[in-house]
Protein backbone atom coordinates (compact mmCIF):
# COMPACT_ATOMS: atom_id res chain seq x y z
CA UNK A 1 57.45 9.40 -37.02
CA UNK A 2 55.48 11.03 -39.83
CA UNK A 3 52.35 9.21 -41.04
CA UNK A 4 52.23 7.93 -44.60
CA UNK A 5 50.58 10.52 -46.84
CA UNK A 6 47.68 8.82 -48.63
CA UNK A 7 46.52 12.12 -50.13
CA UNK A 8 49.24 12.37 -52.79
CA UNK A 9 48.28 11.43 -56.35
CA UNK A 10 50.72 8.53 -56.55
CA UNK A 11 49.52 7.41 -59.97
CA UNK A 12 50.72 10.77 -61.33
CA UNK A 13 54.03 10.92 -59.40
CA UNK A 14 57.46 9.43 -59.97
CA UNK A 15 58.97 9.20 -56.51
CA UNK A 16 62.36 8.30 -57.96
CA UNK A 17 62.38 11.86 -59.26
CA UNK A 18 60.79 13.25 -56.08
CA UNK A 19 62.08 11.31 -53.06
CA UNK A 20 61.24 14.29 -50.87
CA UNK A 21 57.55 13.36 -51.25
CA UNK A 22 58.07 9.83 -49.93
CA UNK A 23 57.06 9.05 -46.37
CA UNK A 24 58.30 5.79 -44.86
CA UNK A 25 55.27 5.40 -42.60
CA UNK A 26 54.67 2.20 -40.65
CA UNK A 27 55.15 -1.33 -41.93
CA UNK A 28 53.87 -1.80 -45.46
CA UNK A 29 52.03 1.50 -45.85
CA UNK A 30 51.94 2.63 -49.46
CA UNK A 31 53.50 -0.51 -50.85
CA UNK A 32 50.92 -0.73 -53.63
CA UNK A 33 50.94 3.00 -54.38
CA UNK A 34 54.46 4.35 -54.79
CA UNK A 35 55.61 4.49 -58.40
CA UNK A 36 57.72 3.54 -60.27
CA UNK A 37 58.70 1.01 -57.61
CA UNK A 38 55.32 -0.71 -57.34
CA UNK A 39 55.41 -1.47 -61.07
CA UNK A 40 59.03 -2.64 -60.89
CA UNK A 41 58.72 -4.93 -57.86
CA UNK A 42 55.12 -6.20 -57.88
CA UNK A 43 55.52 -8.51 -60.90
CA UNK A 44 58.15 -10.47 -58.94
CA UNK A 45 56.18 -10.73 -55.68
CA UNK A 46 54.84 -14.29 -55.20
CA UNK A 47 54.47 -16.61 -52.21
CA UNK A 48 52.27 -19.58 -53.23
CA UNK A 49 54.91 -22.23 -52.45
CA UNK A 50 58.29 -22.19 -50.69
CA UNK A 51 60.05 -22.57 -54.06
CA UNK A 52 58.18 -19.60 -55.50
CA UNK A 53 58.80 -17.60 -52.29
CA UNK A 54 62.56 -18.33 -52.51
CA UNK A 55 62.72 -17.14 -56.10
CA UNK A 56 60.56 -14.09 -55.39
CA UNK A 57 62.32 -13.00 -52.21
CA UNK A 58 65.72 -13.45 -53.88
CA UNK A 59 64.67 -11.33 -56.87
CA UNK A 60 63.29 -8.60 -54.59
CA UNK A 61 66.46 -8.71 -52.49
CA UNK A 62 68.53 -8.37 -55.69
CA UNK A 63 66.41 -5.33 -56.56
CA UNK A 64 67.07 -3.95 -53.07
CA UNK A 65 70.82 -4.30 -53.72
CA UNK A 66 70.47 -2.60 -57.12
CA UNK A 67 68.58 0.31 -55.56
CA UNK A 68 71.30 0.47 -52.90
CA UNK A 69 74.01 0.72 -55.60
CA UNK A 70 72.06 3.62 -57.07
CA UNK A 71 71.74 5.34 -53.65
CA UNK A 72 67.98 5.05 -54.10
CA UNK A 73 66.58 4.88 -50.58
CA UNK A 74 62.94 4.95 -51.68
CA UNK A 75 63.56 1.88 -53.86
CA UNK A 76 65.33 0.15 -50.99
CA UNK A 77 62.46 0.87 -48.64
CA UNK A 78 59.87 -0.27 -51.16
CA UNK A 79 61.78 -3.55 -51.62
CA UNK A 80 61.76 -3.89 -47.82
CA UNK A 81 58.00 -3.32 -47.79
CA UNK A 82 57.41 -5.99 -50.43
CA UNK A 83 59.52 -8.49 -48.47
CA UNK A 84 57.57 -7.61 -45.32
CA UNK A 85 54.30 -7.97 -47.21
CA UNK A 86 55.43 -11.36 -48.53
CA UNK A 87 55.84 -12.47 -44.95
CA UNK A 88 52.56 -11.03 -43.66
CA UNK A 89 50.43 -12.26 -46.57
CA UNK A 90 51.92 -15.76 -46.58
CA UNK A 91 51.37 -15.88 -42.79
CA UNK A 92 47.74 -14.85 -43.28
CA UNK A 93 47.25 -17.67 -45.80
CA UNK A 94 49.05 -20.09 -43.47
CA UNK A 95 46.66 -19.14 -40.66
CA UNK A 96 43.42 -18.82 -42.64
CA UNK A 97 42.45 -20.84 -45.71
CA UNK A 98 41.87 -18.49 -48.61
CA UNK A 99 43.62 -15.63 -46.79
CA UNK A 100 40.39 -14.28 -45.28
CA UNK A 101 40.71 -13.68 -41.55
CA UNK A 102 37.15 -12.49 -40.88
CA UNK A 103 33.77 -13.78 -42.10
CA UNK A 104 32.00 -11.57 -44.65
CA UNK A 105 28.62 -12.12 -43.03
CA UNK A 106 29.26 -11.01 -39.46
CA UNK A 107 32.94 -10.07 -39.18
CA UNK A 108 33.67 -12.94 -36.83
CA UNK A 109 37.14 -14.47 -36.76
CA UNK A 110 37.36 -17.47 -39.08
CA UNK A 111 38.89 -20.74 -37.85
CA UNK A 112 42.65 -20.83 -37.49
CA UNK A 113 44.57 -23.40 -39.48
CA UNK A 114 48.25 -24.13 -39.89
CA UNK A 115 49.24 -24.61 -43.51
CA UNK A 116 52.89 -25.71 -43.33
CA UNK A 117 53.54 -24.86 -46.99
CA UNK A 118 52.43 -21.24 -46.57
CA UNK A 119 54.19 -21.05 -43.19
CA UNK A 120 57.45 -22.07 -44.89
CA UNK A 121 56.90 -19.46 -47.62
CA UNK A 122 56.32 -16.85 -44.90
CA UNK A 123 59.53 -17.87 -43.11
CA UNK A 124 61.51 -17.43 -46.35
CA UNK A 125 60.23 -13.88 -46.79
CA UNK A 126 60.74 -13.08 -43.11
CA UNK A 127 64.41 -14.16 -43.23
CA UNK A 128 65.05 -11.92 -46.25
CA UNK A 129 63.10 -9.04 -44.68
CA UNK A 130 65.21 -9.29 -41.51
CA UNK A 131 68.42 -9.03 -43.56
CA UNK A 132 67.17 -5.95 -45.41
CA UNK A 133 65.85 -4.02 -42.42
CA UNK A 134 69.15 -4.52 -40.56
CA UNK A 135 71.38 -3.64 -43.53
CA UNK A 136 73.72 -0.91 -42.19
CA UNK A 137 73.41 1.22 -45.32
CA UNK A 138 69.63 0.93 -45.27
CA UNK A 139 69.48 1.92 -41.60
CA UNK A 140 71.76 4.90 -42.23
CA UNK A 141 69.84 6.05 -45.32
CA UNK A 142 66.54 5.65 -43.47
CA UNK A 143 67.78 7.99 -40.75
CA UNK A 144 68.98 10.52 -43.31
CA UNK A 145 65.67 10.37 -45.20
CA UNK A 146 63.66 10.88 -42.02
CA UNK A 147 65.88 13.76 -40.90
CA UNK A 148 65.92 15.44 -44.30
CA UNK A 149 62.28 14.97 -45.42
CA UNK A 150 60.14 13.84 -42.50
CA UNK A 151 61.10 16.18 -39.66
CA UNK A 152 59.05 19.05 -41.00
């Protein structure tokens, strides 16, 4: 697997026009860099409450489906990354009040908590993320993208 390329000038690139420059990477790598997708998806990404998480994850899933209709793998993968990030960030806030895992002063692990509201929001994003990452067309297009652009 090719590592995500953080050296590209993403603020100057349109990866819809240049999908060959996109690297899938691991997990959520590049989720807040890759344009125009970041600007399209980020305004809809929210997880404060389960209701907000439902609305947000549904909108991002709808965007995933729209990218799929357009045969836009990079858009599909970016939607997947935002759903994954919805899960991981909501989980962090469920586990640690304020979302901070480590103390600023000494880097020690802050006390664990279990916020059921944030945990429910995380579960909503996780369910949608699981659907997306197992989508047969997504899986197929991911393989093609890796073979075509990431095997160099």
